[in-house]
Protein backbone atom coordinates (compact mmCIF):
# COMPACT_ATOMS: atom_id res chain seq x y z
CA UNK A 1 119.30 101.34 66.51
CA UNK A 2 118.93 103.09 69.86
CA UNK A 3 116.05 102.76 72.32
CA UNK A 4 115.44 104.12 75.84
CA UNK A 5 113.20 102.71 78.55
CA UNK A 6 112.61 103.97 82.05
CA UNK A 7 113.21 101.89 85.15
CA UNK A 8 114.08 102.54 88.75
CA UNK A 9 116.44 101.47 91.54
CA UNK A 10 116.31 101.83 95.26
CA UNK A 11 118.92 103.59 97.38
CA UNK A 12 118.14 103.17 101.05
CA UNK A 13 114.37 103.34 101.22
CA UNK A 14 113.94 105.87 98.39
CA UNK A 15 113.92 105.14 94.64
CA UNK A 16 115.45 107.05 91.74
CA UNK A 17 114.82 106.90 88.01
CA UNK A 18 117.21 104.85 85.86
CA UNK A 19 117.46 105.34 82.15
CA UNK A 20 117.89 101.94 80.45
CA UNK A 21 119.55 102.76 77.09
CA UNK A 22 119.90 99.98 74.55
CA UNK A 23 122.06 100.29 71.50
CA UNK A 24 122.22 97.56 68.77
CA UNK A 25 124.83 97.71 66.08
CA UNK A 26 126.06 95.31 63.45
CA UNK A 27 129.06 93.25 64.57
CA UNK A 28 130.00 90.05 66.33
CA UNK A 29 127.13 88.90 68.63
CA UNK A 30 127.75 90.26 72.09
CA UNK A 31 125.87 91.67 75.10
CA UNK A 32 127.49 94.21 77.33
CA UNK A 33 125.93 95.93 80.30
CA UNK A 34 127.49 99.12 81.66
CA UNK A 35 126.58 101.64 84.38
CA UNK A 36 128.01 99.89 87.50
CA UNK A 37 125.87 96.72 87.38
CA UNK A 38 126.39 94.16 90.14
CA UNK A 39 126.31 90.39 89.56
CA UNK A 40 122.55 89.89 89.34
CA UNK A 41 122.24 92.72 86.80
CA UNK A 42 125.10 91.30 84.66
CA UNK A 43 123.38 87.90 84.62
CA UNK A 44 120.19 89.45 83.21
CA UNK A 45 121.53 88.96 79.66
CA UNK A 46 120.93 85.22 79.75
CA UNK A 47 117.45 85.63 81.27
CA UNK A 48 116.49 88.30 78.80
CA UNK A 49 117.66 86.34 75.75
CA UNK A 50 115.78 83.16 76.79
CA UNK A 51 112.62 85.14 77.71
CA UNK A 52 112.57 86.97 74.35
CA UNK A 53 113.06 83.80 72.34
CA UNK A 54 110.55 81.73 74.36
CA UNK A 55 107.91 84.54 74.09
CA UNK A 56 107.88 84.21 70.30
CA UNK A 57 110.18 87.08 69.33
CA UNK A 58 113.62 87.03 67.76
CA UNK A 59 116.68 87.99 69.77
CA UNK A 60 119.07 90.00 67.63
CA UNK A 61 122.40 88.40 66.72
CA UNK A 62 124.23 91.69 66.76
CA UNK A 63 126.40 93.78 69.19
CA UNK A 64 124.14 94.91 72.06
CA UNK A 65 125.19 97.52 74.61
CA UNK A 66 122.92 98.36 77.61
CA UNK A 67 123.73 101.44 79.66
CA UNK A 68 122.11 102.03 83.08
CA UNK A 69 122.25 105.73 83.84
CA UNK A 70 123.21 107.44 86.13
CA UNK A 71 126.37 105.38 85.72
CA UNK A 72 128.01 106.47 89.00
CA UNK A 73 125.58 104.61 91.26
CA UNK A 74 125.92 100.83 91.63
CA UNK A 75 122.85 98.97 90.34
CA UNK A 76 121.63 95.80 92.06
CA UNK A 77 118.73 93.42 91.89
CA UNK A 78 116.80 91.70 89.11
CA UNK A 79 114.26 94.35 88.33
CA UNK A 80 116.08 95.56 85.26
CA UNK A 81 115.35 92.36 83.30
CA UNK A 82 112.01 93.58 81.97
CA UNK A 83 113.02 97.12 80.85
CA UNK A 84 116.20 95.71 79.18
CA UNK A 85 114.07 93.24 77.28
CA UNK A 86 111.54 95.96 76.25
CA UNK A 87 114.42 98.19 75.21
CA UNK A 88 115.84 95.48 72.94
CA UNK A 89 112.40 94.89 71.42
CA UNK A 90 112.05 98.67 70.86
CA UNK A 91 115.49 98.91 69.27
CA UNK A 92 114.61 96.11 66.79
CA UNK A 93 111.30 97.86 65.90
CA UNK A 94 108.83 95.43 67.55
CA UNK A 95 107.73 97.88 70.25
CA UNK A 96 107.09 101.63 69.45
CA UNK A 97 109.69 103.76 71.13
CA UNK A 98 107.63 106.82 71.93
CA UNK A 99 105.38 105.07 74.45
CA UNK A 100 108.36 103.97 76.56
CA UNK A 101 108.83 107.52 77.87
CA UNK A 102 105.40 107.40 79.53
CA UNK A 103 105.83 104.38 81.76
CA UNK A 104 108.34 103.14 84.36
CA UNK A 105 109.01 99.44 83.88
CA UNK A 106 110.24 97.00 86.49
CA UNK A 107 110.30 93.19 86.80
CA UNK A 108 112.38 90.04 86.77
CA UNK A 109 112.06 87.66 83.86
CA UNK A 110 111.86 83.85 83.91
CA UNK A 111 113.36 81.96 81.02
CA UNK A 112 109.87 81.27 79.60
CA UNK A 113 108.91 84.97 79.68
CA UNK A 114 106.94 85.03 82.94
CA UNK A 115 107.47 88.11 85.13
CA UNK A 116 108.48 87.50 88.71
CA UNK A 117 108.03 89.93 91.64
CA UNK A 118 110.79 92.34 92.71
CA UNK A 119 111.67 94.35 95.83
CA UNK A 120 110.85 98.00 96.41
CA UNK A 121 107.85 98.55 94.20
CA UNK A 122 106.27 100.98 96.80
CA UNK A 123 109.20 103.52 96.77
CA UNK A 124 109.42 103.04 92.97
CA UNK A 125 105.80 104.05 92.60
CA UNK A 126 106.36 107.09 94.74
CA UNK A 127 109.36 108.03 92.55
CA UNK A 128 107.32 107.54 89.36
CA UNK A 129 104.55 109.80 90.72
CA UNK A 130 107.04 112.51 91.67
CA UNK A 131 108.51 112.30 88.21
CA UNK A 132 105.13 112.97 86.54
CA UNK A 133 104.99 109.71 84.61
CA UNK A 134 101.73 108.32 83.28
CA UNK A 135 102.06 104.96 84.97
CA UNK A 136 104.23 102.19 86.34
CA UNK A 137 104.41 98.63 84.95
CA UNK A 138 105.12 96.00 87.60
CA UNK A 139 104.79 92.24 88.14
CA UNK A 140 101.30 91.24 89.18
CA UNK A 141 102.43 90.21 92.66
CA UNK A 142 103.74 93.76 93.35
CA UNK A 143 100.59 95.53 92.05
CA UNK A 144 98.77 95.85 95.39
CA UNK A 145 101.79 97.27 97.12
CA UNK A 146 102.37 99.89 94.43
CA UNK A 147 98.69 100.81 94.07
CA UNK A 148 98.54 102.45 97.53
CA UNK A 149 100.20 105.49 95.92
CA UNK A 150 97.51 107.76 94.54
CA UNK A 151 97.97 109.71 91.32
CA UNK A 152 99.83 107.03 89.34
CA UNK A 153 98.49 104.23 87.18
CA UNK A 154 99.73 100.77 88.27
CA UNK A 155 99.58 98.20 85.51
CA UNK A 156 100.17 94.61 86.55
CA UNK A 157 101.67 92.25 83.95
CA UNK A 158 102.10 88.46 83.99
CA UNK A 159 104.44 87.82 81.08
CA UNK A 160 106.47 89.56 78.46
CA UNK A 161 104.12 88.82 75.59
CA UNK A 162 101.24 90.51 77.38
CA UNK A 163 103.34 93.67 77.96
CA UNK A 164 104.46 93.78 74.29
CA UNK A 165 100.81 93.58 73.09
CA UNK A 166 99.93 96.41 75.40
CA UNK A 167 102.82 98.64 74.29
CA UNK A 168 101.88 97.93 70.69
CA UNK A 169 98.22 98.94 71.29
CA UNK A 170 96.88 95.49 70.59
CA UNK A 171 95.43 94.92 74.09
CA UNK A 172 94.66 96.76 77.32
CA UNK A 173 95.85 96.24 80.83
CA UNK A 174 93.50 97.14 83.67
CA UNK A 175 95.06 99.39 86.20
CA UNK A 176 95.26 98.00 89.76
CA UNK A 177 93.28 99.88 92.41
CA UNK A 178 92.90 99.45 96.12
CA UNK A 179 90.79 101.01 98.82
CA UNK A 180 93.32 102.14 101.38
CA UNK A 181 90.62 103.20 103.85
CA UNK A 182 89.23 99.65 103.99
CA UNK A 183 92.73 98.26 104.80
CA UNK A 184 92.91 100.46 107.90
CA UNK A 185 89.37 99.60 108.94
CA UNK A 186 90.19 95.89 109.14
CA UNK A 187 90.20 94.68 112.82
CA UNK A 188 93.55 93.77 114.37
CA UNK A 189 94.60 90.21 113.95
CA UNK A 190 96.06 89.93 117.41
CA UNK A 191 95.08 86.85 119.45
CA UNK A 192 96.68 88.21 122.55
CA UNK A 193 95.21 90.70 125.09
CA UNK A 194 96.23 92.59 128.20
CA UNK A 195 93.39 90.88 130.16
CA UNK A 196 95.37 87.61 129.98
CA UNK A 197 98.11 89.03 132.26
CA UNK A 198 97.42 88.20 135.91
CA UNK A 199 98.89 90.46 138.58
CA UNK A 200 101.73 92.79 137.71
CA UNK A 201 99.59 95.89 137.94
CA UNK A 202 102.61 98.11 138.41
CA UNK A 203 104.28 96.77 135.26
CA UNK A 204 101.02 97.09 133.25
CA UNK A 205 100.69 100.70 134.41
CA UNK A 206 104.34 101.31 133.30
CA UNK A 207 103.54 99.83 129.86
CA UNK A 208 100.48 102.09 129.54
CA UNK A 209 102.64 105.15 130.29
CA UNK A 210 105.26 104.01 127.83
CA UNK A 211 102.72 103.48 125.11
CA UNK A 212 101.03 106.85 125.79
CA UNK A 213 104.32 108.78 125.45
CA UNK A 214 106.32 106.57 123.16
CA UNK A 215 108.92 106.01 125.89
CA UNK A 216 111.63 103.40 125.93
CA UNK A 217 111.30 100.81 128.79
CA UNK A 218 113.25 98.12 130.53
CA UNK A 219 111.80 95.40 132.78
CA UNK A 220 113.96 93.59 135.35
CA UNK A 221 112.74 90.56 137.24
CA UNK A 222 113.21 86.83 137.87
CA UNK A 223 112.44 84.17 135.27
CA UNK A 224 108.73 83.45 134.82
CA UNK A 225 107.62 86.82 136.18
CA UNK A 226 105.93 87.62 132.82
CA UNK A 227 108.36 90.15 131.27
CA UNK A 228 108.09 88.69 127.74
CA UNK A 229 104.33 88.18 128.11
CA UNK A 230 103.97 91.82 128.97
CA UNK A 231 106.19 93.07 126.15
CA UNK A 232 104.32 91.12 123.50
CA UNK A 233 101.09 92.74 124.59
CA UNK A 234 102.43 96.27 124.26
CA UNK A 235 101.58 96.32 120.60
CA UNK A 236 97.88 95.74 121.45
CA UNK A 237 97.64 99.04 123.39
CA UNK A 238 99.56 101.34 120.99
CA UNK A 239 97.54 103.97 119.08
CA UNK A 240 96.67 103.09 115.48
CA UNK A 241 99.38 103.75 112.91
CA UNK A 242 98.77 106.72 110.64
CA UNK A 243 98.87 106.48 106.85
CA UNK A 244 102.14 108.34 106.69
CA UNK A 245 103.65 106.02 109.26
CA UNK A 246 102.39 103.01 107.38
CA UNK A 247 103.99 104.23 104.16
CA UNK A 248 107.35 104.79 105.94
CA UNK A 249 107.29 101.31 107.54
CA UNK A 250 106.06 99.57 104.40
CA UNK A 251 108.92 101.12 102.37
CA UNK A 252 111.46 99.44 104.70
CA UNK A 253 109.78 96.03 104.38
CA UNK A 254 109.42 96.50 100.64
CA UNK A 255 113.10 97.15 99.96
CA UNK A 256 114.04 94.11 102.21
CA UNK A 257 111.49 91.91 100.43
CA UNK A 258 109.62 91.03 103.63
CA UNK A 259 106.20 92.37 102.56
CA UNK A 260 103.73 89.58 101.88
CA UNK A 261 102.29 89.60 98.36
CA UNK A 262 98.72 89.70 99.72
CA UNK A 263 99.41 92.81 101.85
CA UNK A 264 99.47 96.27 100.39
CA UNK A 265 100.50 98.12 103.53
CA UNK A 266 101.85 97.44 107.05
CA UNK A 267 98.77 98.67 109.05
CA UNK A 268 99.95 97.59 112.49
CA UNK A 269 103.06 98.66 114.44
CA UNK A 270 105.83 96.11 113.73
CA UNK A 271 107.06 94.10 116.74
CA UNK A 272 110.62 92.87 116.26
CA UNK A 273 112.28 90.49 118.74
CA UNK A 274 115.78 89.55 117.57
CA UNK A 275 117.78 86.76 119.25
CA UNK A 276 120.60 87.76 121.52
CA UNK A 277 123.15 86.17 119.12
CA UNK A 278 122.44 88.88 116.50
CA UNK A 279 125.43 90.85 115.15
CA UNK A 280 125.71 94.67 115.12
CA UNK A 281 125.14 94.60 111.34
CA UNK A 282 122.03 92.50 111.82
CA UNK A 283 120.68 94.91 114.41
CA UNK A 284 121.65 98.21 112.87
CA UNK A 285 122.03 97.23 109.25
CA UNK A 286 124.99 96.80 106.99
CA UNK A 287 126.65 94.45 104.55
CA UNK A 288 128.61 95.04 101.33
CA UNK A 289 125.50 96.69 99.91
CA UNK A 290 123.90 98.15 103.11
CA UNK A 291 120.63 96.56 104.11
CA UNK A 292 118.20 97.66 106.85
CA UNK A 293 118.60 96.03 110.22
CA UNK A 294 116.22 95.19 113.00
CA UNK A 295 116.08 98.79 114.23
CA UNK A 296 114.72 99.85 110.82
CA UNK A 297 112.32 96.90 110.58
CA UNK A 298 110.95 98.14 113.97
CA UNK A 299 110.46 101.71 112.66
CA UNK A 300 107.21 103.17 114.09
CA UNK A 301 106.90 100.00 116.15
CA UNK A 302 108.52 98.13 118.99
CA UNK A 303 111.97 96.56 119.28
CA UNK A 304 112.02 94.03 122.06
CA UNK A 305 115.38 92.79 123.38
CA UNK A 306 114.87 89.87 125.69
CA UNK A 307 117.68 88.88 128.08
CA UNK A 308 119.41 92.20 127.41
CA UNK A 309 122.81 91.41 129.05
CA UNK A 310 123.20 88.35 126.85
CA UNK A 311 123.58 90.61 123.83
CA UNK A 312 127.18 91.51 122.86
CA UNK A 313 128.16 94.78 124.45
CA UNK A 314 129.29 96.28 121.11
CA UNK A 315 125.86 95.41 119.67
CA UNK A 316 124.00 97.25 122.44
CA UNK A 317 126.25 100.29 122.18
CA UNK A 318 125.41 100.82 118.49
CA UNK A 319 121.79 101.39 119.58
CA UNK A 320 122.62 104.66 121.25
CA UNK A 321 122.69 106.80 118.07
CA UNK A 322 119.42 105.59 116.52
CA UNK A 323 117.66 105.85 119.84
CA UNK A 324 118.59 109.57 119.98
CA UNK A 325 118.20 110.46 116.31
CA UNK A 326 115.49 108.15 115.04
CA UNK A 327 117.60 107.09 112.06
CA UNK A 328 120.72 105.14 111.31
CA UNK A 329 123.41 106.04 108.76
CA UNK A 330 125.51 103.25 107.20
CA UNK A 331 128.71 104.62 105.54
CA UNK A 332 130.60 102.60 102.90
CA UNK A 333 133.42 103.58 100.55
CA UNK A 334 131.09 104.24 97.61
CA UNK A 335 127.98 105.46 99.34
CA UNK A 336 126.33 106.45 102.63
CA UNK A 337 122.75 105.31 103.22
CA UNK A 338 120.37 106.50 105.88
CA UNK A 339 117.46 104.29 107.07
CA UNK A 340 114.62 105.38 109.41
CA UNK A 341 114.78 103.87 112.89
CA UNK A 342 112.30 105.60 115.20
CA UNK A 343 111.20 102.75 117.52
CA UNK A 344 110.15 102.05 121.06
CA UNK A 345 112.80 100.02 122.76
CA UNK A 346 111.45 97.49 125.29
CA UNK A 347 114.04 95.39 127.04
CA UNK A 348 113.96 92.67 129.63
CA UNK A 349 116.65 91.21 131.88
CA UNK A 350 117.14 89.12 135.00
CA UNK A 351 118.51 90.94 138.08
CA UNK A 352 121.52 88.50 138.23
CA UNK A 353 122.93 85.52 136.28
CA UNK A 354 120.81 83.03 138.22
CA UNK A 355 117.81 85.32 138.03
CA UNK A 356 116.76 85.19 141.69
CA UNK A 357 118.50 88.20 143.27
CA UNK A 358 116.03 89.88 145.69
CA UNK A 359 113.40 87.20 145.01
CA UNK A 360 111.86 86.20 148.41
CA UNK A 361 110.88 82.70 147.10
CA UNK A 362 114.30 81.64 145.79
CA UNK A 363 117.82 81.88 147.10
CA UNK A 364 120.31 83.72 144.85
CA UNK A 365 123.60 81.81 144.29
CA UNK A 366 125.47 84.69 142.67
CA UNK A 367 128.35 86.56 144.21
CA UNK A 368 128.33 90.34 144.20
CA UNK A 369 131.24 90.22 141.66
CA UNK A 370 129.15 88.04 139.27
CA UNK A 371 126.14 90.33 139.67
CA UNK A 372 128.32 93.38 138.97
CA UNK A 373 129.82 91.85 135.84
CA UNK A 374 126.42 90.70 134.64
CA UNK A 375 124.81 94.12 135.01
CA UNK A 376 127.89 95.98 133.67
CA UNK A 377 127.19 94.44 130.26
CA UNK A 378 124.48 97.08 129.97
CA UNK A 379 126.30 100.47 130.06
CA UNK A 380 125.18 103.54 131.92
CA UNK A 381 124.83 105.68 128.76
CA UNK A 382 122.44 103.08 127.26
CA UNK A 383 120.38 102.92 130.55
CA UNK A 384 120.29 106.71 130.49
CA UNK A 385 118.43 106.55 127.08
CA UNK A 386 115.75 104.21 128.47
CA UNK A 387 113.07 106.34 130.04
CA UNK A 388 111.19 103.84 132.17
CA UNK A 389 112.80 101.27 134.47
CA UNK A 390 110.41 98.91 136.22
CA UNK A 391 110.89 95.94 138.46
CA UNK A 392 108.73 92.93 137.68
CA UNK A 393 108.55 90.62 140.77
CA UNK A 394 107.40 87.01 140.72
CA UNK A 395 103.63 86.64 140.44
CA UNK A 396 101.87 85.63 143.73
CA UNK A 397 99.64 82.55 143.75
CA UNK A 398 96.52 84.49 144.66
CA UNK A 399 96.99 86.64 141.52
CA UNK A 400 97.31 83.59 139.33
CA UNK A 401 94.36 81.75 140.84
CA UNK A 402 92.08 84.79 141.30
CA UNK A 403 88.88 85.12 139.30
CA UNK A 404 88.87 88.89 138.81
CA UNK A 405 88.62 90.24 135.28
CA UNK A 406 91.72 92.24 134.26
CA UNK A 407 91.40 95.28 132.07
CA UNK A 408 91.36 94.56 128.35
CA UNK A 409 93.72 95.96 125.76
CA UNK A 410 90.88 97.91 124.13
CA UNK A 411 90.20 99.86 127.40
CA UNK A 412 93.88 100.71 127.83
CA UNK A 413 94.24 101.63 124.20
CA UNK A 414 91.43 104.14 124.52
CA UNK A 415 93.29 106.04 127.23
CA UNK A 416 96.49 105.85 125.27
CA UNK A 417 94.85 107.27 122.10
CA UNK A 418 93.40 110.17 124.16
CA UNK A 419 96.81 110.95 125.58
CA UNK A 420 98.46 110.79 122.15
CA UNK A 421 95.76 113.11 120.72
CA UNK A 422 96.64 115.68 123.38
CA UNK A 423 100.30 115.38 122.50
CA UNK A 424 99.63 115.69 118.78
CA UNK A 425 97.68 118.87 119.35
CA UNK A 426 100.39 120.30 121.61
CA UNK A 427 103.19 119.39 119.19
CA UNK A 428 101.39 120.00 115.92
CA UNK A 429 103.77 122.78 114.89
CA UNK A 430 106.81 120.59 115.38
CA UNK A 431 108.17 117.50 113.51
CA UNK A 432 107.57 115.23 116.52
CA UNK A 433 104.44 113.40 117.67
CA UNK A 434 104.93 112.20 121.23
CA UNK A 435 106.45 113.26 124.54
CA UNK A 436 109.43 110.90 124.28
CA UNK A 437 110.71 112.83 121.23
CA UNK A 438 110.72 116.24 122.92
CA UNK A 439 113.93 118.24 122.89
CA UNK A 440 115.31 120.12 125.93
CA UNK A 441 113.79 123.38 124.65
CA UNK A 442 110.36 121.68 124.31
CA UNK A 443 110.71 120.11 127.73
CA UNK A 444 111.28 123.47 129.18
CA UNK A 445 108.22 124.88 127.44
CA UNK A 446 105.72 122.11 127.92
CA UNK A 447 106.82 120.55 131.15
CA UNK A 448 106.71 123.30 133.83
CA UNK A 449 106.47 122.13 137.47
CA UNK A 450 105.62 123.87 140.72
CA UNK A 451 107.75 124.45 143.80
CA UNK A 452 106.73 121.20 145.56
CA UNK A 453 107.63 119.16 142.49
CA UNK A 454 111.02 120.89 142.24
CA UNK A 455 111.73 120.03 145.90
CA UNK A 456 110.71 116.39 145.30
CA UNK A 457 112.86 116.19 142.23
CA UNK A 458 115.91 117.74 144.04
CA UNK A 459 115.57 115.13 146.79
CA UNK A 460 115.31 112.29 144.29
CA UNK A 461 118.35 113.38 142.31
CA UNK A 462 120.43 113.70 145.50
CA UNK A 463 119.30 110.40 146.92
CA UNK A 464 119.41 108.29 143.77
CA UNK A 465 122.35 110.01 142.05
CA UNK A 466 120.34 110.55 138.82
CA UNK A 467 122.03 112.08 135.78
CA UNK A 468 121.03 115.26 133.97
CA UNK A 469 119.52 113.13 131.20
CA UNK A 470 117.48 111.23 133.79
CA UNK A 471 116.13 114.60 135.07
CA UNK A 472 114.72 115.35 131.61
CA UNK A 473 113.41 111.86 131.26
CA UNK A 474 111.41 112.28 134.51
CA UNK A 475 109.87 115.45 133.27
CA UNK A 476 108.77 113.86 130.01
CA UNK A 477 107.33 110.84 131.83
CA UNK A 478 105.47 113.19 134.22
CA UNK A 479 104.02 115.04 131.22
CA UNK A 480 102.80 111.71 129.78
CA UNK A 481 101.20 110.75 133.08
CA UNK A 482 99.44 114.11 133.23
CA UNK A 483 98.23 113.63 129.62
CA UNK A 484 96.74 110.22 130.63
CA UNK A 485 94.71 112.05 133.27
CA UNK A 486 94.01 114.85 130.74
CA UNK A 487 95.54 117.36 133.17
CA UNK A 488 96.91 120.61 131.84
CA UNK A 489 99.55 121.05 134.56
CA UNK A 490 102.01 118.59 135.93
CA UNK A 491 101.27 117.89 139.60
CA UNK A 492 103.34 116.47 142.41
CA UNK A 493 101.88 112.97 142.15
CA UNK A 494 102.75 112.92 138.41
CA UNK A 495 106.39 113.67 139.27
CA UNK A 496 106.35 111.16 142.12
CA UNK A 497 105.15 108.34 139.80
CA UNK A 498 107.68 109.36 137.15
CA UNK A 499 110.50 109.12 139.70
CA UNK A 500 109.45 105.56 140.56
CA UNK A 501 110.12 104.60 136.91
CA UNK A 502 113.82 105.52 137.30
CA UNK A 503 114.36 103.23 140.33
CA UNK A 504 117.15 101.28 138.56
CA UNK A 505 119.13 104.30 137.63
CA UNK A 506 121.07 104.60 140.87
CA UNK A 507 124.67 105.58 141.09
CA UNK A 508 126.91 102.52 140.63
CA UNK A 509 124.01 100.16 139.55
CA UNK A 510 125.13 100.24 135.86
CA UNK A 511 128.46 101.28 134.51
């Protein structure tokens, strides 16, 4: 007897339909799975056999062949347990075969028949919707995540027996539903605020500009100046994430298995802060079966690299391509997978190995050779791709002990949202959403400057030895500063402030 059930697998962050074909013939008892299954899929035969027997059904003592099509793509994960079990029950006549063509089935089986959660239910739900299926049957713990997709019925199941009764028409399963609007209306859970930062007004202004335009940023200063404190509060002033961005980010967390079962969507920009001992595969992604790295987990959010020169140089260099393209491609012998990686890079570093170079309150013990070697760990091409460079000096005592009330994150976020709205309207006919993503052609169109600004830029480039890429970065930053002031034209003072944010990009400072 032959039966066919529908399931799905994830390739990158997108899912595709998998036909689970089960053929049962008389012969010596055996169980073979074909279609490029990896180890976890091959092991499913023992879980499926125990689950069927312990759920009160008879496992056939015949020759069983399971084919996972398309057979030229490697299948991984434990989500095929449930469709294989249903396919066997359909081939033996317990479950009607015609209903299996209407639903996509996914789930891992326990030995007692309980259904455990799997990874990637959100992209699977999107794939089922695009395929015109009636619904998707998933473990109960994955139901909220899958139900954010409108236009597809999401049926949560707890055990194999419950699913069999539903497919046989003996019981009903209530479709999961969720109010997506209410999820976005929930207040942020942050317990940190910009008002907690004393002093560092120049650095806070730079963070506001970075948030308004989506610009990459590096802070350089002595230990204890507040670089990490400032970076962690950047997320509190970013504009709200859109539904499309939330779907993109949630898909990444879903395929990695990092989405909490009580959360349906990632509704706040992710903030990732990997340790400096991370490998290039951990940062970019990789492995025998390529997995997303930190740059993809920071998609539509912030990637914070503290103590930047402590990272291995080869690890930092692999950042250059995703910073430019907004995606990362991992090539292997059998496949090539592309993950999204559009993030704001925020980095922090000391000015020298001891941390006190140019600090008036402490004496630096580093030689010029040591300082050069320390800074040369961050290459010039990487620094070129960081829009805003800002020095963060040690905080003065009067700033720490003062009683003034600093501006809150809500007040700064309001200005950032207004600036982003201006950019969205300006760039609405393009595929980009903020000034940092503008191409050279768009810079020429949207960032015109007057004669005085040209003269100022010419002087700055000659004095500081700025590169051609730095020239374009300055224009984009100036456009963002003008947007914060809701000014239509870029003025001289906008360009002047933008030049200050390239103060570390001098000839010979980084190699």
